[in-house]
Amino acid sequence: MLLDHRTYICRPGTLKKHLAIYEAYGKAPQTKHLGQPVAFLTTESGNVNTYVHIWAYADAADRATKRAAMQADPDWIAYLEKSAEAGYLEFQENRLMLPVGFMPPPVRAGG
């Protein structure tokens, strides 16, 4: 299993607006191609302008195939354009992570 851990920081006061754009335009095409995330979280302490989502893939090839299909989807492209136009994001960090052998992999909600 390969986990794609993504952290995003929005400009102060724009997190709710940014997530509203994602919910309206990005969620459907993203989950169509990637399935449901392991987690999609906002920060309660620390930098409260931060949100994180984690996606699980069988391996790097599975990730590459699914993300390529998503990147080619006109609905996803439209979402990216709306998000860029709004300009709420300040920072993005992606980490590809592997579960350690002595802990079970995360369980997806509903599955």
PDB file of N, CA and C in Angstrom:
ATOM      1  N   MET A   1       0.845  -1.175   0.000  1.00  0.00           N
ATOM      2  CA  MET A   1       0.000   0.000   0.000  1.00  0.00           C
ATOM      3  C   MET A   1       0.887   1.233   0.000  1.00  0.00           C
ATOM      4  N   LEU A   2       0.495   2.235  -0.777  1.00  0.00           N
ATOM      5  CA  LEU A   2       1.182   3.520  -0.841  1.00  0.00           C
ATOM      6  C   LEU A   2       0.185   4.593  -0.420  1.00  0.00           C
ATOM      7  N   LEU A   3       0.577   5.433   0.533  1.00  0.00           N
ATOM      8  CA  LEU A   3      -0.286   6.513   0.992  1.00  0.00           C
ATOM      9  C   LEU A   3       0.244   7.842   0.471  1.00  0.00           C
ATOM     10  N   ASP A   4      -0.637   8.642  -0.062  1.00  0.00           N
ATOM     11  CA  ASP A   4      -0.311   9.973  -0.566  1.00  0.00           C
ATOM     12  C   ASP A   4      -0.873  10.969   0.451  1.00  0.00           C
ATOM     13  N   HIS A   5       0.015  11.541   1.267  1.00  0.00           N
ATOM     14  CA  HIS A   5      -0.354  12.467   2.341  1.00  0.00           C
ATOM     15  C   HIS A   5      -0.132  13.886   1.818  1.00  0.00           C
ATOM     16  N   ARG A   6      -1.209  14.664   1.732  1.00  0.00           N
ATOM     17  CA  ARG A   6      -1.151  16.003   1.149  1.00  0.00           C
ATOM     18  C   ARG A   6      -1.568  17.048   2.174  1.00  0.00           C
ATOM     19  N   THR A   7      -0.723  18.043   2.348  1.00  0.00           N
ATOM     20  CA  THR A   7      -1.000  19.146   3.268  1.00  0.00           C
ATOM     21  C   THR A   7      -1.104  20.426   2.459  1.00  0.00           C
ATOM     22  N   TYR A   8      -2.143  21.201   2.731  1.00  0.00           N
ATOM     23  CA  TYR A   8      -2.382  22.468   2.046  1.00  0.00           C
ATOM     24  C   TYR A   8      -2.576  23.567   3.081  1.00  0.00           C
ATOM     25  N   ILE A   9      -2.059  24.754   2.800  1.00  0.00           N
ATOM     26  CA  ILE A   9      -2.276  25.914   3.657  1.00  0.00           C
ATOM     27  C   ILE A   9      -2.916  27.006   2.811  1.00  0.00           C
ATOM     28  N   CYS A  10      -4.024  27.529   3.311  1.00  0.00           N
ATOM     29  CA  CYS A  10      -4.749  28.609   2.642  1.00  0.00           C
ATOM     30  C   CYS A  10      -4.393  29.958   3.267  1.00  0.00           C
ATOM     31  N   ARG A  11      -4.611  31.020   2.504  1.00  0.00           N
ATOM     32  CA  ARG A  11      -4.466  32.363   3.055  1.00  0.00           C
ATOM     33  C   ARG A  11      -5.431  32.511   4.229  1.00  0.00           C
ATOM     34  N   PRO A  12      -5.035  33.231   5.274  1.00  0.00           N
ATOM     35  CA  PRO A  12      -5.920  33.407   6.428  1.00  0.00           C
ATOM     36  C   PRO A  12      -7.310  33.893   6.010  1.00  0.00           C
ATOM     37  N   GLY A  13      -8.315  33.256   6.595  1.00  0.00           N
ATOM     38  CA  GLY A  13      -9.697  33.631   6.338  1.00  0.00           C
ATOM     39  C   GLY A  13     -10.314  33.052   5.082  1.00  0.00           C
ATOM     40  N   THR A  14      -9.584  32.196   4.361  1.00  0.00           N
ATOM     41  CA  THR A  14     -10.107  31.678   3.089  1.00  0.00           C
ATOM     42  C   THR A  14     -10.329  30.166   3.073  1.00  0.00           C
ATOM     43  N   LEU A  15     -10.010  29.486   4.167  1.00  0.00           N
ATOM     44  CA  LEU A  15     -10.113  28.023   4.174  1.00  0.00           C
ATOM     45  C   LEU A  15     -11.522  27.550   3.830  1.00  0.00           C
ATOM     46  N   LYS A  16     -12.539  28.109   4.461  1.00  0.00           N
ATOM     47  CA  LYS A  16     -13.915  27.684   4.190  1.00  0.00           C
ATOM     48  C   LYS A  16     -14.296  27.960   2.748  1.00  0.00           C
ATOM     49  N   LYS A  17     -13.881  29.075   2.192  1.00  0.00           N
ATOM     50  CA  LYS A  17     -14.177  29.400   0.792  1.00  0.00           C
ATOM     51  C   LYS A  17     -13.491  28.408  -0.149  1.00  0.00           C
ATOM     52  N   HIS A  18     -12.241  28.098   0.170  1.00  0.00           N
ATOM     53  CA  HIS A  18     -11.500  27.147  -0.665  1.00  0.00           C
ATOM     54  C   HIS A  18     -12.155  25.769  -0.635  1.00  0.00           C
ATOM     55  N   LEU A  19     -12.510  25.295   0.561  1.00  0.00           N
ATOM     56  CA  LEU A  19     -13.146  23.988   0.673  1.00  0.00           C
ATOM     57  C   LEU A  19     -14.516  23.964   0.000  1.00  0.00           C
ATOM     58  N   ALA A  20     -15.217  25.098  -0.012  1.00  0.00           N
ATOM     59  CA  ALA A  20     -16.512  25.170  -0.709  1.00  0.00           C
ATOM     60  C   ALA A  20     -16.324  24.991  -2.213  1.00  0.00           C
ATOM     61  N   ILE A  21     -15.263  25.566  -2.766  1.00  0.00           N
ATOM     62  CA  ILE A  21     -14.969  25.379  -4.196  1.00  0.00           C
ATOM     63  C   ILE A  21     -14.647  23.910  -4.460  1.00  0.00           C
ATOM     64  N   TYR A  22     -13.837  23.310  -3.588  1.00  0.00           N
ATOM     65  CA  TYR A  22     -13.512  21.897  -3.749  1.00  0.00           C
ATOM     66  C   TYR A  22     -14.777  21.038  -3.686  1.00  0.00           C
ATOM     67  N   GLU A  23     -15.617  21.286  -2.687  1.00  0.00           N
ATOM     68  CA  GLU A  23     -16.833  20.480  -2.535  1.00  0.00           C
ATOM     69  C   GLU A  23     -17.738  20.610  -3.763  1.00  0.00           C
ATOM     70  N   ALA A  24     -17.862  21.810  -4.298  1.00  0.00           N
ATOM     71  CA  ALA A  24     -18.758  22.050  -5.430  1.00  0.00           C
ATOM     72  C   ALA A  24     -18.193  21.534  -6.754  1.00  0.00           C
ATOM     73  N   TYR A  25     -16.882  21.625  -6.940  1.00  0.00           N
ATOM     74  CA  TYR A  25     -16.318  21.326  -8.261  1.00  0.00           C
ATOM     75  C   TYR A  25     -15.248  20.237  -8.287  1.00  0.00           C
ATOM     76  N   GLY A  26     -14.527  20.023  -7.195  1.00  0.00           N
ATOM     77  CA  GLY A  26     -13.404  19.096  -7.216  1.00  0.00           C
ATOM     78  C   GLY A  26     -13.670  17.721  -6.644  1.00  0.00           C
ATOM     79  N   LYS A  27     -14.539  17.646  -5.657  1.00  0.00           N
ATOM     80  CA  LYS A  27     -14.759  16.372  -4.955  1.00  0.00           C
ATOM     81  C   LYS A  27     -15.259  15.274  -5.898  1.00  0.00           C
ATOM     82  N   ALA A  28     -16.258  15.571  -6.699  1.00  0.00           N
ATOM     83  CA  ALA A  28     -16.838  14.534  -7.577  1.00  0.00           C
ATOM     84  C   ALA A  28     -15.816  13.971  -8.566  1.00  0.00           C
ATOM     85  N   PRO A  29     -15.102  14.808  -9.326  1.00  0.00           N
ATOM     86  CA  PRO A  29     -14.139  14.206 -10.258  1.00  0.00           C
ATOM     87  C   PRO A  29     -12.965  13.532  -9.546  1.00  0.00           C
ATOM     88  N   GLN A  30     -12.558  14.057  -8.405  1.00  0.00           N
ATOM     89  CA  GLN A  30     -11.440  13.439  -7.710  1.00  0.00           C
ATOM     90  C   GLN A  30     -11.817  12.065  -7.173  1.00  0.00           C
ATOM     91  N   THR A  31     -12.949  11.960  -6.497  1.00  0.00           N
ATOM     92  CA  THR A  31     -13.340  10.662  -5.956  1.00  0.00           C
ATOM     93  C   THR A  31     -13.763   9.692  -7.058  1.00  0.00           C
ATOM     94  N   LYS A  32     -14.204  10.216  -8.186  1.00  0.00           N
ATOM     95  CA  LYS A  32     -14.520   9.353  -9.337  1.00  0.00           C
ATOM     96  C   LYS A  32     -13.279   8.565  -9.762  1.00  0.00           C
ATOM     97  N   HIS A  33     -12.128   9.206  -9.722  1.00  0.00           N
ATOM     98  CA  HIS A  33     -10.901   8.565 -10.185  1.00  0.00           C
ATOM     99  C   HIS A  33     -10.091   7.920  -9.063  1.00  0.00           C
ATOM    100  N   LEU A  34     -10.106   8.525  -7.874  1.00  0.00           N
ATOM    101  CA  LEU A  34      -9.248   8.038  -6.791  1.00  0.00           C
ATOM    102  C   LEU A  34      -9.975   7.222  -5.739  1.00  0.00           C
ATOM    103  N   GLY A  35     -11.308   7.224  -5.764  1.00  0.00           N
ATOM    104  CA  GLY A  35     -12.064   6.594  -4.691  1.00  0.00           C
ATOM    105  C   GLY A  35     -12.145   7.550  -3.511  1.00  0.00           C
ATOM    106  N   GLN A  36     -12.607   7.057  -2.383  1.00  0.00           N
ATOM    107  CA  GLN A  36     -12.723   7.897  -1.190  1.00  0.00           C
ATOM    108  C   GLN A  36     -11.364   8.019  -0.499  1.00  0.00           C
ATOM    109  N   PRO A  37     -11.061   9.182   0.056  1.00  0.00           N
ATOM    110  CA  PRO A  37      -9.794   9.318   0.771  1.00  0.00           C
ATOM    111  C   PRO A  37      -9.814   8.540   2.084  1.00  0.00           C
ATOM    112  N   VAL A  38      -8.637   8.203   2.569  1.00  0.00           N
ATOM    113  CA  VAL A  38      -8.496   7.601   3.889  1.00  0.00           C
ATOM    114  C   VAL A  38      -8.907   8.640   4.936  1.00  0.00           C
ATOM    115  N   ALA A  39      -8.524   9.901   4.689  1.00  0.00           N
ATOM    116  CA  ALA A  39      -8.869  10.998   5.601  1.00  0.00           C
ATOM    117  C   ALA A  39      -8.895  12.301   4.822  1.00  0.00           C
ATOM    118  N   PHE A  40      -9.746  13.217   5.256  1.00  0.00           N
ATOM    119  CA  PHE A  40      -9.812  14.581   4.720  1.00  0.00           C
ATOM    120  C   PHE A  40     -10.098  15.442   5.942  1.00  0.00           C
ATOM    121  N   LEU A  41      -9.099  16.193   6.417  1.00  0.00           N
ATOM    122  CA  LEU A  41      -9.134  16.800   7.738  1.00  0.00           C
ATOM    123  C   LEU A  41      -8.773  18.280   7.710  1.00  0.00           C
ATOM    124  N   THR A  42      -9.401  19.058   8.582  1.00  0.00           N
ATOM    125  CA  THR A  42      -8.971  20.422   8.823  1.00  0.00           C
ATOM    126  C   THR A  42      -8.260  20.466  10.170  1.00  0.00           C
ATOM    127  N   THR A  43      -7.425  21.475  10.343  1.00  0.00           N
ATOM    128  CA  THR A  43      -6.623  21.595  11.548  1.00  0.00           C
ATOM    129  C   THR A  43      -7.384  22.332  12.636  1.00  0.00           C
ATOM    130  N   GLU A  44      -7.373  21.756  13.832  1.00  0.00           N
ATOM    131  CA  GLU A  44      -8.061  22.346  14.985  1.00  0.00           C
ATOM    132  C   GLU A  44      -7.097  23.160  15.852  1.00  0.00           C
ATOM    133  N   SER A  45      -5.801  22.843  15.780  1.00  0.00           N
ATOM    134  CA  SER A  45      -4.796  23.592  16.535  1.00  0.00           C
ATOM    135  C   SER A  45      -3.585  23.789  15.623  1.00  0.00           C
ATOM    136  N   GLY A  46      -2.702  24.672  16.018  1.00  0.00           N
ATOM    137  CA  GLY A  46      -1.584  25.003  15.137  1.00  0.00           C
ATOM    138  C   GLY A  46      -2.064  25.966  14.075  1.00  0.00           C
ATOM    139  N   ASN A  47      -1.596  25.804  12.865  1.00  0.00           N
ATOM    140  CA  ASN A  47      -2.017  26.691  11.776  1.00  0.00           C
ATOM    141  C   ASN A  47      -3.418  26.278  11.325  1.00  0.00           C
ATOM    142  N   VAL A  48      -4.412  27.030  11.759  1.00  0.00           N
ATOM    143  CA  VAL A  48      -5.808  26.679  11.486  1.00  0.00           C
ATOM    144  C   VAL A  48      -6.223  26.957  10.043  1.00  0.00           C
ATOM    145  N   ASN A  49      -5.298  27.392   9.228  1.00  0.00           N
ATOM    146  CA  ASN A  49      -5.557  27.598   7.798  1.00  0.00           C
ATOM    147  C   ASN A  49      -5.134  26.372   6.987  1.00  0.00           C
ATOM    148  N   THR A  50      -4.913  25.264   7.667  1.00  0.00           N
ATOM    149  CA  THR A  50      -4.359  24.050   7.069  1.00  0.00           C
ATOM    150  C   THR A  50      -5.413  22.957   6.945  1.00  0.00           C
ATOM    151  N   TYR A  51      -5.319  22.191   5.849  1.00  0.00           N
ATOM    152  CA  TYR A  51      -6.094  20.960   5.744  1.00  0.00           C
ATOM    153  C   TYR A  51      -5.217  19.883   5.134  1.00  0.00           C
ATOM    154  N   VAL A  52      -5.598  18.644   5.416  1.00  0.00           N
ATOM    155  CA  VAL A  52      -4.821  17.478   4.993  1.00  0.00           C
ATOM    156  C   VAL A  52      -5.767  16.472   4.377  1.00  0.00           C
ATOM    157  N   HIS A  53      -5.323  15.823   3.314  1.00  0.00           N
ATOM    158  CA  HIS A  53      -6.045  14.638   2.867  1.00  0.00           C
ATOM    159  C   HIS A  53      -5.051  13.552   2.533  1.00  0.00           C
ATOM    160  N   ILE A  54      -5.501  12.305   2.723  1.00  0.00           N
ATOM    161  CA  ILE A  54      -4.651  11.132   2.542  1.00  0.00           C
ATOM    162  C   ILE A  54      -5.383  10.163   1.621  1.00  0.00           C
ATOM    163  N   TRP A  55      -4.686   9.721   0.595  1.00  0.00           N
ATOM    164  CA  TRP A  55      -5.245   8.789  -0.394  1.00  0.00           C
ATOM    165  C   TRP A  55      -4.432   7.512  -0.372  1.00  0.00           C
ATOM    166  N   ALA A  56      -5.085   6.376  -0.516  1.00  0.00           N
ATOM    167  CA  ALA A  56      -4.406   5.075  -0.515  1.00  0.00           C
ATOM    168  C   ALA A  56      -4.415   4.480  -1.915  1.00  0.00           C
ATOM    169  N   TYR A  57      -3.280   3.918  -2.281  1.00  0.00           N
ATOM    170  CA  TYR A  57      -3.122   3.255  -3.580  1.00  0.00           C
ATOM    171  C   TYR A  57      -2.481   1.892  -3.356  1.00  0.00           C
ATOM    172  N   ALA A  58      -2.690   0.994  -4.265  1.00  0.00           N
ATOM    173  CA  ALA A  58      -2.062  -0.326  -4.172  1.00  0.00           C
ATOM    174  C   ALA A  58      -0.538  -0.195  -4.241  1.00  0.00           C
ATOM    175  N   ASP A  59      -0.070   0.692  -5.139  1.00  0.00           N
ATOM    176  CA  ASP A  59       1.359   0.906  -5.334  1.00  0.00           C
ATOM    177  C   ASP A  59       1.555   2.145  -6.201  1.00  0.00           C
ATOM    178  N   ALA A  60       2.790   2.448  -6.554  1.00  0.00           N
ATOM    179  CA  ALA A  60       3.085   3.655  -7.333  1.00  0.00           C
ATOM    180  C   ALA A  60       2.429   3.613  -8.717  1.00  0.00           C
ATOM    181  N   ALA A  61       2.355   2.446  -9.318  1.00  0.00           N
ATOM    182  CA  ALA A  61       1.729   2.340 -10.646  1.00  0.00           C
ATOM    183  C   ALA A  61       0.233   2.629 -10.564  1.00  0.00           C
ATOM    184  N   ASP A  62      -0.418   2.120  -9.524  1.00  0.00           N
ATOM    185  CA  ASP A  62      -1.845   2.386  -9.312  1.00  0.00           C
ATOM    186  C   ASP A  62      -2.069   3.891  -9.148  1.00  0.00           C
ATOM    187  N   ARG A  63      -1.227   4.535  -8.356  1.00  0.00           N
ATOM    188  CA  ARG A  63      -1.330   5.983  -8.151  1.00  0.00           C
ATOM    189  C   ARG A  63      -1.161   6.729  -9.471  1.00  0.00           C
ATOM    190  N   ALA A  64      -0.133   6.373 -10.229  1.00  0.00           N
ATOM    191  CA  ALA A  64       0.140   7.058 -11.491  1.00  0.00           C
ATOM    192  C   ALA A  64      -1.024   6.911 -12.469  1.00  0.00           C
ATOM    193  N   THR A  65      -1.587   5.721 -12.575  1.00  0.00           N
ATOM    194  CA  THR A  65      -2.705   5.472 -13.486  1.00  0.00           C
ATOM    195  C   THR A  65      -3.937   6.279 -13.091  1.00  0.00           C
ATOM    196  N   LYS A  66      -4.285   6.241 -11.816  1.00  0.00           N
ATOM    197  CA  LYS A  66      -5.480   6.955 -11.345  1.00  0.00           C
ATOM    198  C   LYS A  66      -5.307   8.465 -11.455  1.00  0.00           C
ATOM    199  N   ARG A  67      -4.144   8.968 -11.090  1.00  0.00           N
ATOM    200  CA  ARG A  67      -3.930  10.420 -11.150  1.00  0.00           C
ATOM    201  C   ARG A  67      -3.863  10.914 -12.588  1.00  0.00           C
ATOM    202  N   ALA A  68      -3.330  10.117 -13.500  1.00  0.00           N
ATOM    203  CA  ALA A  68      -3.298  10.519 -14.918  1.00  0.00           C
ATOM    204  C   ALA A  68      -4.713  10.629 -15.463  1.00  0.00           C
ATOM    205  N   ALA A  69      -5.569   9.688 -15.112  1.00  0.00           N
ATOM    206  CA  ALA A  69      -6.964   9.751 -15.566  1.00  0.00           C
ATOM    207  C   ALA A  69      -7.649  10.985 -14.986  1.00  0.00           C
ATOM    208  N   MET A  70      -7.397  11.271 -13.718  1.00  0.00           N
ATOM    209  CA  MET A  70      -8.004  12.445 -13.090  1.00  0.00           C
ATOM    210  C   MET A  70      -7.509  13.736 -13.746  1.00  0.00           C
ATOM    211  N   GLN A  71      -6.222  13.823 -14.001  1.00  0.00           N
ATOM    212  CA  GLN A  71      -5.652  15.029 -14.598  1.00  0.00           C
ATOM    213  C   GLN A  71      -6.185  15.281 -16.007  1.00  0.00           C
ATOM    214  N   ALA A  72      -6.656  14.242 -16.678  1.00  0.00           N
ATOM    215  CA  ALA A  72      -7.213  14.382 -18.030  1.00  0.00           C
ATOM    216  C   ALA A  72      -8.711  14.665 -18.017  1.00  0.00           C
ATOM    217  N   ASP A  73      -9.351  14.590 -16.870  1.00  0.00           N
ATOM    218  CA  ASP A  73     -10.795  14.770 -16.753  1.00  0.00           C
ATOM    219  C   ASP A  73     -11.147  16.258 -16.868  1.00  0.00           C
ATOM    220  N   PRO A  74     -12.001  16.640 -17.824  1.00  0.00           N
ATOM    221  CA  PRO A  74     -12.365  18.058 -17.988  1.00  0.00           C
ATOM    222  C   PRO A  74     -12.976  18.676 -16.724  1.00  0.00           C
ATOM    223  N   ASP A  75     -13.702  17.895 -15.945  1.00  0.00           N
ATOM    224  CA  ASP A  75     -14.271  18.428 -14.706  1.00  0.00           C
ATOM    225  C   ASP A  75     -13.186  18.735 -13.676  1.00  0.00           C
ATOM    226  N   TRP A  76     -12.155  17.909 -13.603  1.00  0.00           N
ATOM    227  CA  TRP A  76     -11.042  18.171 -12.693  1.00  0.00           C
ATOM    228  C   TRP A  76     -10.260  19.394 -13.155  1.00  0.00           C
ATOM    229  N   ILE A  77     -10.047  19.493 -14.449  1.00  0.00           N
ATOM    230  CA  ILE A  77      -9.341  20.650 -15.008  1.00  0.00           C
ATOM    231  C   ILE A  77     -10.110  21.934 -14.700  1.00  0.00           C
ATOM    232  N   ALA A  78     -11.424  21.889 -14.827  1.00  0.00           N
ATOM    233  CA  ALA A  78     -12.251  23.066 -14.513  1.00  0.00           C
ATOM    234  C   ALA A  78     -12.121  23.430 -13.041  1.00  0.00           C
ATOM    235  N   TYR A  79     -12.108  22.421 -12.174  1.00  0.00           N
ATOM    236  CA  TYR A  79     -11.920  22.703 -10.745  1.00  0.00           C
ATOM    237  C   TYR A  79     -10.571  23.378 -10.496  1.00  0.00           C
ATOM    238  N   LEU A  80      -9.502  22.856 -11.078  1.00  0.00           N
ATOM    239  CA  LEU A  80      -8.181  23.442 -10.880  1.00  0.00           C
ATOM    240  C   LEU A  80      -8.152  24.901 -11.328  1.00  0.00           C
ATOM    241  N   GLU A  81      -8.845  25.191 -12.432  1.00  0.00           N
ATOM    242  CA  GLU A  81      -8.908  26.571 -12.917  1.00  0.00           C
ATOM    243  C   GLU A  81      -9.653  27.465 -11.934  1.00  0.00           C
ATOM    244  N   LYS A  82     -10.777  26.992 -11.400  1.00  0.00           N
ATOM    245  CA  LYS A  82     -11.553  27.768 -10.416  1.00  0.00           C
ATOM    246  C   LYS A  82     -10.729  27.998  -9.146  1.00  0.00           C
ATOM    247  N   SER A  83     -10.024  26.961  -8.698  1.00  0.00           N
ATOM    248  CA  SER A  83      -9.208  27.078  -7.506  1.00  0.00           C
ATOM    249  C   SER A  83      -8.074  28.081  -7.719  1.00  0.00           C
ATOM    250  N   ALA A  84      -7.417  28.006  -8.855  1.00  0.00           N
ATOM    251  CA  ALA A  84      -6.324  28.934  -9.145  1.00  0.00           C
ATOM    252  C   ALA A  84      -6.840  30.367  -9.260  1.00  0.00           C
ATOM    253  N   GLU A  85      -7.978  30.522  -9.902  1.00  0.00           N
ATOM    254  CA  GLU A  85      -8.579  31.857 -10.058  1.00  0.00           C
ATOM    255  C   GLU A  85      -8.909  32.473  -8.691  1.00  0.00           C
ATOM    256  N   ALA A  86      -9.412  31.667  -7.763  1.00  0.00           N
ATOM    257  CA  ALA A  86      -9.736  32.163  -6.426  1.00  0.00           C
ATOM    258  C   ALA A  86      -8.468  32.572  -5.674  1.00  0.00           C
ATOM    259  N   GLY A  87      -7.385  31.840  -5.872  1.00  0.00           N
ATOM    260  CA  GLY A  87      -6.107  32.199  -5.279  1.00  0.00           C
ATOM    261  C   GLY A  87      -6.008  32.013  -3.767  1.00  0.00           C
ATOM    262  N   TYR A  88      -6.761  31.077  -3.220  1.00  0.00           N
ATOM    263  CA  TYR A  88      -6.773  30.890  -1.771  1.00  0.00           C
ATOM    264  C   TYR A  88      -5.589  30.078  -1.249  1.00  0.00           C
ATOM    265  N   LEU A  89      -5.019  29.224  -2.083  1.00  0.00           N
ATOM    266  CA  LEU A  89      -3.923  28.364  -1.620  1.00  0.00           C
ATOM    267  C   LEU A  89      -2.598  29.120  -1.575  1.00  0.00           C
ATOM    268  N   GLU A  90      -1.860  28.904  -0.480  1.00  0.00           N
ATOM    269  CA  GLU A  90      -0.530  29.487  -0.328  1.00  0.00           C
ATOM    270  C   GLU A  90       0.571  28.444  -0.439  1.00  0.00           C
ATOM    271  N   PHE A  91       0.271  27.198  -0.031  1.00  0.00           N
ATOM    272  CA  PHE A  91       1.321  26.191   0.118  1.00  0.00           C
ATOM    273  C   PHE A  91       0.737  24.805  -0.056  1.00  0.00           C
ATOM    274  N   GLN A  92       1.518  23.918  -0.651  1.00  0.00           N
ATOM    275  CA  GLN A  92       1.127  22.521  -0.791  1.00  0.00           C
ATOM    276  C   GLN A  92       2.357  21.663  -0.583  1.00  0.00           C
ATOM    277  N   GLU A  93       2.188  20.576   0.171  1.00  0.00           N
ATOM    278  CA  GLU A  93       3.259  19.609   0.362  1.00  0.00           C
ATOM    279  C   GLU A  93       2.677  18.214   0.212  1.00  0.00           C
ATOM    280  N   ASN A  94       3.307  17.386  -0.604  1.00  0.00           N
ATOM    281  CA  ASN A  94       2.867  16.004  -0.820  1.00  0.00           C
ATOM    282  C   ASN A  94       3.963  15.066  -0.326  1.00  0.00           C
ATOM    283  N   ARG A  95       3.540  14.026   0.369  1.00  0.00           N
ATOM    284  CA  ARG A  95       4.474  13.000   0.834  1.00  0.00           C
ATOM    285  C   ARG A  95       3.897  11.639   0.490  1.00  0.00           C
ATOM    286  N   LEU A  96       4.668  10.833  -0.188  1.00  0.00           N
ATOM    287  CA  LEU A  96       4.279   9.444  -0.449  1.00  0.00           C
ATOM    288  C   LEU A  96       4.854   8.608   0.689  1.00  0.00           C
ATOM    289  N   MET A  97       3.982   7.851   1.347  1.00  0.00           N
ATOM    290  CA  MET A  97       4.380   7.148   2.552  1.00  0.00           C
ATOM    291  C   MET A  97       3.973   5.680   2.484  1.00  0.00           C
ATOM    292  N   LEU A  98       4.747   4.835   3.175  1.00  0.00           N
ATOM    293  CA  LEU A  98       4.482   3.398   3.244  1.00  0.00           C
ATOM    294  C   LEU A  98       4.186   3.008   4.685  1.00  0.00           C
ATOM    295  N   PRO A  99       3.180   2.164   4.908  1.00  0.00           N
ATOM    296  CA  PRO A  99       2.919   1.682   6.269  1.00  0.00           C
ATOM    297  C   PRO A  99       4.087   0.826   6.756  1.00  0.00           C
ATOM    298  N   VAL A 100       4.354   0.882   8.038  1.00  0.00           N
ATOM    299  CA  VAL A 100       5.390   0.015   8.611  1.00  0.00           C
ATOM    300  C   VAL A 100       4.819  -1.382   8.821  1.00  0.00           C
ATOM    301  N   GLY A 101       5.676  -2.372   8.823  1.00  0.00           N
ATOM    302  CA  GLY A 101       5.237  -3.756   8.886  1.00  0.00           C
ATOM    303  C   GLY A 101       4.523  -4.162  10.161  1.00  0.00           C
ATOM    304  N   PHE A 102       4.820  -3.500  11.281  1.00  0.00           N
ATOM    305  CA  PHE A 102       4.233  -3.929  12.557  1.00  0.00           C
ATOM    306  C   PHE A 102       2.913  -3.230  12.885  1.00  0.00           C
ATOM    307  N   MET A 103       2.403  -2.386  11.976  1.00  0.00           N
ATOM    308  CA  MET A 103       1.102  -1.738  12.177  1.00  0.00           C
ATOM    309  C   MET A 103       0.206  -2.084  10.977  1.00  0.00           C
ATOM    310  N   PRO A 104      -1.053  -2.359  11.229  1.00  0.00           N
ATOM    311  CA  PRO A 104      -1.931  -2.648  10.099  1.00  0.00           C
ATOM    312  C   PRO A 104      -2.156  -1.391   9.260  1.00  0.00           C
ATOM    313  N   PRO A 105      -2.393  -1.557   7.966  1.00  0.00           N
ATOM    314  CA  PRO A 105      -2.678  -0.390   7.128  1.00  0.00           C
ATOM    315  C   PRO A 105      -3.985   0.269   7.558  1.00  0.00           C
ATOM    316  N   PRO A 106      -4.153   1.545   7.244  1.00  0.00           N
ATOM    317  CA  PRO A 106      -5.381   2.227   7.621  1.00  0.00           C
ATOM    318  C   PRO A 106      -6.596   1.595   6.950  1.00  0.00           C
ATOM    319  N   VAL A 107      -7.699   1.660   7.631  1.00  0.00           N
ATOM    320  CA  VAL A 107      -8.965   1.151   7.107  1.00  0.00           C
ATOM    321  C   VAL A 107      -9.741   2.326   6.561  1.00  0.00           C
ATOM    322  N   ARG A 108     -10.205   2.203   5.338  1.00  0.00           N
ATOM    323  CA  ARG A 108     -11.012   3.259   4.739  1.00  0.00           C
ATOM    324  C   ARG A 108     -12.419   3.232   5.321  1.00  0.00           C
ATOM    325  N   ALA A 109     -12.991   4.404   5.491  1.00  0.00           N
ATOM    326  CA  ALA A 109     -14.378   4.484   5.963  1.00  0.00           C
ATOM    327  C   ALA A 109     -15.281   3.793   4.955  1.00  0.00           C
ATOM    328  N   GLY A 110     -16.171   3.005   5.445  1.00  0.00           N
ATOM    329  CA  GLY A 110     -17.119   2.309   4.567  1.00  0.00           C
ATOM    330  C   GLY A 110     -16.510   1.127   3.835  1.00  0.00           C
ATOM    331  N   GLY A 111     -15.282   0.735   4.159  1.00  0.00           N
ATOM    332  CA  GLY A 111     -14.726  -0.379   3.433  1.00  0.00           C
ATOM    333  C   GLY A 111     -13.605  -0.984   4.044  1.00  0.00           C
TER     334      GLY A 111
END
